[in-house]
Amino acid sequence: VTHTIQLNFHLFLFLIADTETSVSCVINQDCILPCRFKNGVTVMEWESKTSSLIVSYDHRGFSYSESFRSRASLFEDQISRGNGDLLLRGVKVDDEGRYRCTAKINGIYYTNLVVLPIEVSTFRIHQDGNRITCSSEGIYPQPELTWSTEPPSNTTLQNRTTVHQTEEKLYDISSSLTVPDCSDRIYSCTIRTQLTFAGTKWWRATLAEPGQQMYRKSRDLIISIADLTLDHIRTTVACLLKNPHGRLSVK
């Protein structure tokens, strides 16, 4: 009986409670990996995706690994209040992955897993005459880009897409689409990338901005004022002249 009681007590002391969160970070920017616990933390450590130690804390103080010493830091004055967040400076492509934060409170070890996917840094769409261009920079891993319209088009959208890898192992992507004169469709581009630890991620840009729309109600032509060029204004006016019953208004 005595042996059984001691075994159960041992398991209670080392009970592990796992939670998992995800936080998106942008390349070359600072990012905070969350790790919050109750008060009374006596031992704490962060490990990277390769199980290598980033930083540890105990009664002797804080100890940072050489590889992360200049890039990672805890909010040291807040550890006792349960704030174990890790500040990661200048996020790199190689930082993507899973991280583990472990804290000991009253003899119990709690573990928090953090998934770190990489976000795109820029994403834009604009129109110049009959050509619509969609582009993004600083993507990882290699993305793919597709076009769509509303209402849907029955024909294949002819476009030219280029992908370039930078010295930082990131990808820049650009695609141009030629549209017919006086098109009554809304054009959107979608960029997708397959993240190792977070599945498929996608971003979509549409050539229309709520609150800043120029449109012709008779044909529901919607374009962004911010993206208008002189050629596009000329094209729009020409379309209106062909249809005198159309109306151009600005909201």
C-alpha atoms as a PDB file:
ATOM      1  CA  VAL A   1       0.000   0.000   0.000  1.00  0.00           C
ATOM      2  CA  THR A   2       2.809   2.381   0.905  1.00  0.00           C
ATOM      3  CA  HIS A   3       4.507   1.829  -2.460  1.00  0.00           C
ATOM      4  CA  THR A   4       1.294   2.666  -4.339  1.00  0.00           C
ATOM      5  CA  ILE A   5       0.843   5.955  -2.486  1.00  0.00           C
ATOM      6  CA  GLN A   6       4.401   7.037  -3.269  1.00  0.00           C
ATOM      7  CA  LEU A   7       3.988   6.222  -6.974  1.00  0.00           C
ATOM      8  CA  ASN A   8       0.800   8.272  -7.296  1.00  0.00           C
ATOM      9  CA  PHE A   9       2.413  11.216  -5.524  1.00  0.00           C
ATOM     10  CA  HIS A  10       5.355  11.036  -7.920  1.00  0.00           C
ATOM     11  CA  LEU A  11       3.028  11.184 -10.928  1.00  0.00           C
ATOM     12  CA  PHE A  12       1.216  14.171  -9.441  1.00  0.00           C
ATOM     13  CA  LEU A  13       4.457  16.106  -9.039  1.00  0.00           C
ATOM     14  CA  PHE A  14       5.393  15.654 -12.701  1.00  0.00           C
ATOM     15  CA  LEU A  15       1.983  16.020 -14.324  1.00  0.00           C
ATOM     16  CA  ILE A  16       2.333  17.758 -17.699  1.00  0.00           C
ATOM     17  CA  ALA A  17      -0.460  19.964 -19.031  1.00  0.00           C
ATOM     18  CA  ASP A  18      -0.013  20.704 -22.764  1.00  0.00           C
ATOM     19  CA  THR A  19      -1.541  23.594 -24.701  1.00  0.00           C
ATOM     20  CA  GLU A  20      -0.775  24.738 -28.259  1.00  0.00           C
ATOM     21  CA  THR A  21      -1.101  28.170 -29.815  1.00  0.00           C
ATOM     22  CA  SER A  22      -0.153  29.668 -33.171  1.00  0.00           C
ATOM     23  CA  VAL A  23       1.312  33.096 -33.861  1.00  0.00           C
ATOM     24  CA  SER A  24       2.207  34.562 -37.266  1.00  0.00           C
ATOM     25  CA  CYS A  25       5.407  36.540 -37.696  1.00  0.00           C
ATOM     26  CA  VAL A  26       6.712  38.686 -40.549  1.00  0.00           C
ATOM     27  CA  ILE A  27      10.219  38.213 -41.927  1.00  0.00           C
ATOM     28  CA  ASN A  28      12.813  40.649 -40.521  1.00  0.00           C
ATOM     29  CA  GLN A  29      10.401  41.978 -37.903  1.00  0.00           C
ATOM     30  CA  ASP A  30      10.231  41.304 -34.162  1.00  0.00           C
ATOM     31  CA  CYS A  31       7.705  38.771 -32.881  1.00  0.00           C
ATOM     32  CA  ILE A  32       6.446  37.657 -29.466  1.00  0.00           C
ATOM     33  CA  LEU A  33       5.906  33.954 -28.773  1.00  0.00           C
ATOM     34  CA  PRO A  34       3.256  33.709 -26.026  1.00  0.00           C
ATOM     35  CA  CYS A  35       3.653  31.650 -22.859  1.00  0.00           C
ATOM     36  CA  ARG A  36       1.477  32.532 -19.849  1.00  0.00           C
ATOM     37  CA  PHE A  37       1.140  30.624 -16.571  1.00  0.00           C
ATOM     38  CA  LYS A  38      -0.070  31.154 -13.040  1.00  0.00           C
ATOM     39  CA  ASN A  39       2.101  32.969 -10.528  1.00  0.00           C
ATOM     40  CA  GLY A  40       4.821  31.085  -8.702  1.00  0.00           C
ATOM     41  CA  VAL A  41       7.097  29.952 -11.551  1.00  0.00           C
ATOM     42  CA  THR A  42      10.330  28.543 -10.115  1.00  0.00           C
ATOM     43  CA  VAL A  43      11.850  26.968 -13.232  1.00  0.00           C
ATOM     44  CA  MET A  44      11.253  27.875 -16.877  1.00  0.00           C
ATOM     45  CA  GLU A  45      12.821  27.245 -20.275  1.00  0.00           C
ATOM     46  CA  TRP A  46      12.206  27.773 -23.981  1.00  0.00           C
ATOM     47  CA  GLU A  47      13.307  25.225 -26.595  1.00  0.00           C
ATOM     48  CA  SER A  48      13.442  25.643 -30.373  1.00  0.00           C
ATOM     49  CA  LYS A  49      11.977  23.286 -32.986  1.00  0.00           C
ATOM     50  CA  THR A  50      15.190  21.233 -32.912  1.00  0.00           C
ATOM     51  CA  SER A  51      14.847  20.785 -29.112  1.00  0.00           C
ATOM     52  CA  SER A  52      17.867  23.033 -28.553  1.00  0.00           C
ATOM     53  CA  LEU A  53      17.687  25.344 -25.549  1.00  0.00           C
ATOM     54  CA  ILE A  54      16.992  29.043 -26.190  1.00  0.00           C
ATOM     55  CA  VAL A  55      16.806  30.337 -22.630  1.00  0.00           C
ATOM     56  CA  SER A  56      16.387  28.893 -19.147  1.00  0.00           C
ATOM     57  CA  TYR A  57      15.427  30.388 -15.779  1.00  0.00           C
ATOM     58  CA  ASP A  58      15.749  29.096 -12.217  1.00  0.00           C
ATOM     59  CA  HIS A  59      16.871  30.346  -8.786  1.00  0.00           C
ATOM     60  CA  ARG A  60      20.304  31.146 -10.244  1.00  0.00           C
ATOM     61  CA  GLY A  61      18.861  33.557 -12.817  1.00  0.00           C
ATOM     62  CA  PHE A  62      18.642  33.559 -16.637  1.00  0.00           C
ATOM     63  CA  SER A  63      20.857  31.723 -19.121  1.00  0.00           C
ATOM     64  CA  TYR A  64      20.655  32.313 -22.904  1.00  0.00           C
ATOM     65  CA  SER A  65      22.159  30.056 -25.553  1.00  0.00           C
ATOM     66  CA  GLU A  66      24.888  31.573 -27.734  1.00  0.00           C
ATOM     67  CA  SER A  67      22.869  31.154 -30.947  1.00  0.00           C
ATOM     68  CA  PHE A  68      19.913  33.154 -29.578  1.00  0.00           C
ATOM     69  CA  ARG A  69      21.620  35.499 -27.116  1.00  0.00           C
ATOM     70  CA  SER A  70      21.397  38.541 -29.418  1.00  0.00           C
ATOM     71  CA  ARG A  71      17.960  37.736 -30.833  1.00  0.00           C
ATOM     72  CA  ALA A  72      15.812  36.382 -28.012  1.00  0.00           C
ATOM     73  CA  SER A  73      14.868  37.682 -24.578  1.00  0.00           C
ATOM     74  CA  LEU A  74      12.326  37.096 -21.834  1.00  0.00           C
ATOM     75  CA  PHE A  75      10.455  39.807 -19.972  1.00  0.00           C
ATOM     76  CA  GLU A  76      12.577  39.011 -16.957  1.00  0.00           C
ATOM     77  CA  ASP A  77      10.831  41.312 -14.494  1.00  0.00           C
ATOM     78  CA  GLN A  78       7.475  39.659 -15.257  1.00  0.00           C
ATOM     79  CA  ILE A  79       8.397  35.973 -14.882  1.00  0.00           C
ATOM     80  CA  SER A  80       7.205  35.860 -11.265  1.00  0.00           C
ATOM     81  CA  ARG A  81       3.773  37.111 -12.421  1.00  0.00           C
ATOM     82  CA  GLY A  82       3.411  34.296 -14.947  1.00  0.00           C
ATOM     83  CA  ASN A  83       4.544  36.119 -18.090  1.00  0.00           C
ATOM     84  CA  GLY A  84       6.900  33.776 -19.928  1.00  0.00           C
ATOM     85  CA  ASP A  85       6.567  35.382 -23.384  1.00  0.00           C
ATOM     86  CA  LEU A  86       9.650  35.203 -25.586  1.00  0.00           C
ATOM     87  CA  LEU A  87      10.643  38.184 -27.735  1.00  0.00           C
ATOM     88  CA  LEU A  88      12.266  37.017 -30.979  1.00  0.00           C
ATOM     89  CA  ARG A  89      14.036  39.790 -32.903  1.00  0.00           C
ATOM     90  CA  GLY A  90      14.508  39.919 -36.654  1.00  0.00           C
ATOM     91  CA  VAL A  91      12.554  36.782 -37.588  1.00  0.00           C
ATOM     92  CA  LYS A  92      14.278  34.605 -40.206  1.00  0.00           C
ATOM     93  CA  VAL A  93      12.984  31.936 -42.569  1.00  0.00           C
ATOM     94  CA  ASP A  94      14.725  29.264 -40.511  1.00  0.00           C
ATOM     95  CA  ASP A  95      12.771  30.345 -37.409  1.00  0.00           C
ATOM     96  CA  GLU A  96       9.553  28.810 -38.749  1.00  0.00           C
ATOM     97  CA  GLY A  97       8.417  25.781 -36.765  1.00  0.00           C
ATOM     98  CA  ARG A  98       7.332  24.633 -33.302  1.00  0.00           C
ATOM     99  CA  TYR A  99       8.647  25.973 -30.011  1.00  0.00           C
ATOM    100  CA  ARG A 100       8.198  24.629 -26.489  1.00  0.00           C
ATOM    101  CA  CYS A 101       7.860  26.656 -23.323  1.00  0.00           C
ATOM    102  CA  THR A 102       8.009  24.709 -20.039  1.00  0.00           C
ATOM    103  CA  ALA A 103       7.420  26.088 -16.544  1.00  0.00           C
ATOM    104  CA  LYS A 104       7.501  24.479 -13.107  1.00  0.00           C
ATOM    105  CA  ILE A 105       4.871  25.688 -10.640  1.00  0.00           C
ATOM    106  CA  ASN A 106       4.417  24.043  -7.234  1.00  0.00           C
ATOM    107  CA  GLY A 107       6.181  20.912  -8.446  1.00  0.00           C
ATOM    108  CA  ILE A 108       4.040  20.583 -11.596  1.00  0.00           C
ATOM    109  CA  TYR A 109       5.526  21.025 -15.071  1.00  0.00           C
ATOM    110  CA  TYR A 110       3.340  22.844 -17.615  1.00  0.00           C
ATOM    111  CA  THR A 111       4.192  22.849 -21.312  1.00  0.00           C
ATOM    112  CA  ASN A 112       3.007  25.309 -23.945  1.00  0.00           C
ATOM    113  CA  LEU A 113       3.675  24.580 -27.633  1.00  0.00           C
ATOM    114  CA  VAL A 114       3.853  27.531 -30.020  1.00  0.00           C
ATOM    115  CA  VAL A 115       3.611  27.130 -33.807  1.00  0.00           C
ATOM    116  CA  LEU A 116       5.406  29.875 -35.724  1.00  0.00           C
ATOM    117  CA  PRO A 117       4.432  30.292 -39.407  1.00  0.00           C
ATOM    118  CA  ILE A 118       5.880  33.075 -41.562  1.00  0.00           C
ATOM    119  CA  GLU A 119       3.597  35.848 -42.911  1.00  0.00           C
ATOM    120  CA  VAL A 120       3.962  37.773 -46.175  1.00  0.00           C
ATOM    121  CA  SER A 121       5.427  41.249 -45.863  1.00  0.00           C
ATOM    122  CA  THR A 122       3.616  42.985 -48.749  1.00  0.00           C
ATOM    123  CA  PHE A 123       0.615  42.223 -50.957  1.00  0.00           C
ATOM    124  CA  ARG A 124      -0.765  44.579 -53.591  1.00  0.00           C
ATOM    125  CA  ILE A 125      -3.053  44.739 -56.639  1.00  0.00           C
ATOM    126  CA  HIS A 126      -3.443  47.586 -59.131  1.00  0.00           C
ATOM    127  CA  GLN A 127      -4.796  48.286 -62.604  1.00  0.00           C
ATOM    128  CA  ASP A 128      -3.147  50.169 -65.450  1.00  0.00           C
ATOM    129  CA  GLY A 129      -5.354  50.394 -68.520  1.00  0.00           C
ATOM    130  CA  ASN A 130      -6.412  46.875 -69.486  1.00  0.00           C
ATOM    131  CA  ARG A 131      -3.756  45.225 -67.351  1.00  0.00           C
ATOM    132  CA  ILE A 132      -4.244  44.150 -63.746  1.00  0.00           C
ATOM    133  CA  THR A 133      -1.158  43.233 -61.751  1.00  0.00           C
ATOM    134  CA  CYS A 134      -1.032  41.350 -58.451  1.00  0.00           C
ATOM    135  CA  SER A 135       2.219  40.934 -56.539  1.00  0.00           C
ATOM    136  CA  SER A 136       3.651  40.003 -53.169  1.00  0.00           C
ATOM    137  CA  GLU A 137       7.105  39.942 -51.619  1.00  0.00           C
ATOM    138  CA  GLY A 138       8.804  38.134 -48.788  1.00  0.00           C
ATOM    139  CA  ILE A 139       6.836  34.851 -48.943  1.00  0.00           C
ATOM    140  CA  TYR A 140       7.979  31.481 -47.671  1.00  0.00           C
ATOM    141  CA  PRO A 141       7.812  28.730 -48.812  1.00  0.00           C
ATOM    142  CA  GLN A 142       7.327  29.031 -52.597  1.00  0.00           C
ATOM    143  CA  PRO A 143       3.791  30.305 -53.338  1.00  0.00           C
ATOM    144  CA  GLU A 144       1.310  29.873 -56.157  1.00  0.00           C
ATOM    145  CA  LEU A 145      -1.031  32.558 -57.512  1.00  0.00           C
ATOM    146  CA  THR A 146      -4.492  32.172 -59.062  1.00  0.00           C
ATOM    147  CA  TRP A 147      -7.024  34.622 -60.490  1.00  0.00           C
ATOM    148  CA  SER A 148     -10.799  34.666 -60.079  1.00  0.00           C
ATOM    149  CA  THR A 149     -13.707  36.905 -61.022  1.00  0.00           C
ATOM    150  CA  GLU A 150     -17.127  37.825 -59.708  1.00  0.00           C
ATOM    151  CA  PRO A 151     -19.316  36.777 -61.392  1.00  0.00           C
ATOM    152  CA  PRO A 152     -17.229  33.729 -62.402  1.00  0.00           C
ATOM    153  CA  SER A 153     -15.784  33.656 -65.904  1.00  0.00           C
ATOM    154  CA  ASN A 154     -16.536  30.774 -68.293  1.00  0.00           C
ATOM    155  CA  THR A 155     -13.172  31.163 -70.009  1.00  0.00           C
ATOM    156  CA  THR A 156      -9.655  30.623 -68.708  1.00  0.00           C
ATOM    157  CA  LEU A 157      -8.042  33.837 -67.479  1.00  0.00           C
ATOM    158  CA  GLN A 158      -4.856  34.386 -69.472  1.00  0.00           C
ATOM    159  CA  ASN A 159      -2.093  35.606 -67.191  1.00  0.00           C
ATOM    160  CA  ARG A 160       1.681  35.703 -66.903  1.00  0.00           C
ATOM    161  CA  THR A 161       3.188  34.813 -63.528  1.00  0.00           C
ATOM    162  CA  THR A 162       6.812  35.036 -62.426  1.00  0.00           C
ATOM    163  CA  VAL A 163       8.410  33.797 -59.191  1.00  0.00           C
ATOM    164  CA  HIS A 164      11.814  34.917 -57.928  1.00  0.00           C
ATOM    165  CA  GLN A 165      13.778  33.592 -54.939  1.00  0.00           C
ATOM    166  CA  THR A 166      15.828  36.130 -53.000  1.00  0.00           C
ATOM    167  CA  GLU A 167      19.147  35.684 -51.217  1.00  0.00           C
ATOM    168  CA  GLU A 168      17.188  35.396 -47.944  1.00  0.00           C
ATOM    169  CA  LYS A 169      15.409  32.267 -49.265  1.00  0.00           C
ATOM    170  CA  LEU A 170      12.169  34.233 -49.619  1.00  0.00           C
ATOM    171  CA  TYR A 171       9.971  34.392 -52.706  1.00  0.00           C
ATOM    172  CA  ASP A 172       8.630  37.345 -54.685  1.00  0.00           C
ATOM    173  CA  ILE A 173       5.694  36.632 -56.982  1.00  0.00           C
ATOM    174  CA  SER A 174       4.003  38.796 -59.619  1.00  0.00           C
ATOM    175  CA  SER A 175       1.210  38.083 -62.074  1.00  0.00           C
ATOM    176  CA  SER A 176      -0.360  40.235 -64.800  1.00  0.00           C
ATOM    177  CA  LEU A 177      -3.792  39.714 -66.299  1.00  0.00           C
ATOM    178  CA  THR A 178      -5.125  41.388 -69.451  1.00  0.00           C
ATOM    179  CA  VAL A 179      -8.830  42.194 -69.200  1.00  0.00           C
ATOM    180  CA  PRO A 180     -11.230  43.177 -71.993  1.00  0.00           C
ATOM    181  CA  ASP A 181     -12.468  46.732 -72.458  1.00  0.00           C
ATOM    182  CA  CYS A 182     -15.487  47.664 -70.359  1.00  0.00           C
ATOM    183  CA  SER A 183     -15.347  44.439 -68.345  1.00  0.00           C
ATOM    184  CA  ASP A 184     -18.168  44.160 -65.819  1.00  0.00           C
ATOM    185  CA  ARG A 185     -16.344  41.689 -63.552  1.00  0.00           C
ATOM    186  CA  ILE A 186     -14.565  42.177 -60.246  1.00  0.00           C
ATOM    187  CA  TYR A 187     -11.074  40.655 -60.348  1.00  0.00           C
ATOM    188  CA  SER A 188      -9.319  38.988 -57.423  1.00  0.00           C
ATOM    189  CA  CYS A 189      -5.999  37.239 -57.022  1.00  0.00           C
ATOM    190  CA  THR A 190      -5.220  34.622 -54.385  1.00  0.00           C
ATOM    191  CA  ILE A 191      -1.769  33.595 -53.186  1.00  0.00           C
ATOM    192  CA  ARG A 192      -1.366  30.237 -51.469  1.00  0.00           C
ATOM    193  CA  THR A 193       1.579  28.601 -49.779  1.00  0.00           C
ATOM    194  CA  GLN A 194       1.965  25.295 -47.972  1.00  0.00           C
ATOM    195  CA  LEU A 195       3.355  25.858 -44.480  1.00  0.00           C
ATOM    196  CA  THR A 196       5.146  22.902 -42.924  1.00  0.00           C
ATOM    197  CA  PHE A 197       3.615  23.313 -39.471  1.00  0.00           C
ATOM    198  CA  ALA A 198       0.364  25.185 -40.174  1.00  0.00           C
ATOM    199  CA  GLY A 199      -1.091  23.683 -43.357  1.00  0.00           C
ATOM    200  CA  THR A 200      -2.179  25.779 -46.340  1.00  0.00           C
ATOM    201  CA  LYS A 201      -2.251  29.540 -45.909  1.00  0.00           C
ATOM    202  CA  TRP A 202      -3.688  32.024 -48.379  1.00  0.00           C
ATOM    203  CA  TRP A 203      -4.132  35.745 -48.981  1.00  0.00           C
ATOM    204  CA  ARG A 204      -6.603  37.385 -51.401  1.00  0.00           C
ATOM    205  CA  ALA A 205      -6.637  40.851 -52.929  1.00  0.00           C
ATOM    206  CA  THR A 206      -9.604  42.284 -54.849  1.00  0.00           C
ATOM    207  CA  LEU A 207      -9.617  45.317 -57.115  1.00  0.00           C
ATOM    208  CA  ALA A 208     -12.190  47.084 -54.948  1.00  0.00           C
ATOM    209  CA  GLU A 209     -12.030  48.753 -51.572  1.00  0.00           C
ATOM    210  CA  PRO A 210     -15.155  49.277 -49.441  1.00  0.00           C
ATOM    211  CA  GLY A 211     -15.698  52.960 -48.770  1.00  0.00           C
ATOM    212  CA  GLN A 212     -13.446  53.957 -51.692  1.00  0.00           C
ATOM    213  CA  GLN A 213     -15.276  52.719 -54.758  1.00  0.00           C
ATOM    214  CA  MET A 214     -15.913  54.216 -58.151  1.00  0.00           C
ATOM    215  CA  TYR A 215     -18.600  52.305 -59.956  1.00  0.00           C
ATOM    216  CA  ARG A 216     -21.264  52.443 -62.603  1.00  0.00           C
ATOM    217  CA  LYS A 217     -24.494  51.161 -61.097  1.00  0.00           C
ATOM    218  CA  SER A 218     -25.952  50.057 -64.411  1.00  0.00           C
ATOM    219  CA  ARG A 219     -23.152  47.509 -64.847  1.00  0.00           C
ATOM    220  CA  ASP A 220     -21.754  47.131 -61.316  1.00  0.00           C
ATOM    221  CA  LEU A 221     -18.264  48.078 -62.389  1.00  0.00           C
ATOM    222  CA  ILE A 222     -16.175  48.412 -59.238  1.00  0.00           C
ATOM    223  CA  ILE A 223     -12.630  49.703 -59.132  1.00  0.00           C
ATOM    224  CA  SER A 224     -10.483  51.170 -56.386  1.00  0.00           C
ATOM    225  CA  ILE A 225      -9.978  54.922 -56.512  1.00  0.00           C
ATOM    226  CA  ALA A 226      -6.549  54.410 -54.960  1.00  0.00           C
ATOM    227  CA  ASP A 227      -5.539  52.238 -57.926  1.00  0.00           C
ATOM    228  CA  LEU A 228      -6.908  54.463 -60.707  1.00  0.00           C
ATOM    229  CA  THR A 229      -4.535  55.614 -63.437  1.00  0.00           C
ATOM    230  CA  LEU A 230      -5.127  58.159 -66.190  1.00  0.00           C
ATOM    231  CA  ASP A 231      -5.384  55.363 -68.770  1.00  0.00           C
ATOM    232  CA  HIS A 232      -7.986  53.586 -66.670  1.00  0.00           C
ATOM    233  CA  ILE A 233     -10.052  56.769 -66.275  1.00  0.00           C
ATOM    234  CA  ARG A 234      -9.954  57.256 -70.035  1.00  0.00           C
ATOM    235  CA  THR A 235     -11.069  53.650 -70.543  1.00  0.00           C
ATOM    236  CA  THR A 236     -13.926  54.071 -68.056  1.00  0.00           C
ATOM    237  CA  VAL A 237     -15.115  57.288 -69.719  1.00  0.00           C
ATOM    238  CA  ALA A 238     -14.982  55.608 -73.133  1.00  0.00           C
ATOM    239  CA  CYS A 239     -17.190  52.804 -71.810  1.00  0.00           C
ATOM    240  CA  LEU A 240     -19.666  55.331 -70.483  1.00  0.00           C
ATOM    241  CA  LEU A 241     -19.824  57.136 -73.810  1.00  0.00           C
ATOM    242  CA  LYS A 242     -20.771  53.861 -75.460  1.00  0.00           C
ATOM    243  CA  ASN A 243     -23.621  53.525 -72.988  1.00  0.00           C
ATOM    244  CA  PRO A 244     -25.125  56.996 -72.355  1.00  0.00           C
ATOM    245  CA  HIS A 245     -27.567  55.519 -69.854  1.00  0.00           C
ATOM    246  CA  GLY A 246     -24.719  54.471 -67.598  1.00  0.00           C
ATOM    247  CA  ARG A 247     -23.908  56.610 -64.602  1.00  0.00           C
ATOM    248  CA  LEU A 248     -20.591  57.198 -62.872  1.00  0.00           C
ATOM    249  CA  SER A 249     -20.631  58.106 -59.226  1.00  0.00           C
ATOM    250  CA  VAL A 250     -18.213  58.257 -56.344  1.00  0.00           C
ATOM    251  CA  LYS A 251     -18.918  57.117 -52.785  1.00  0.00           C
END
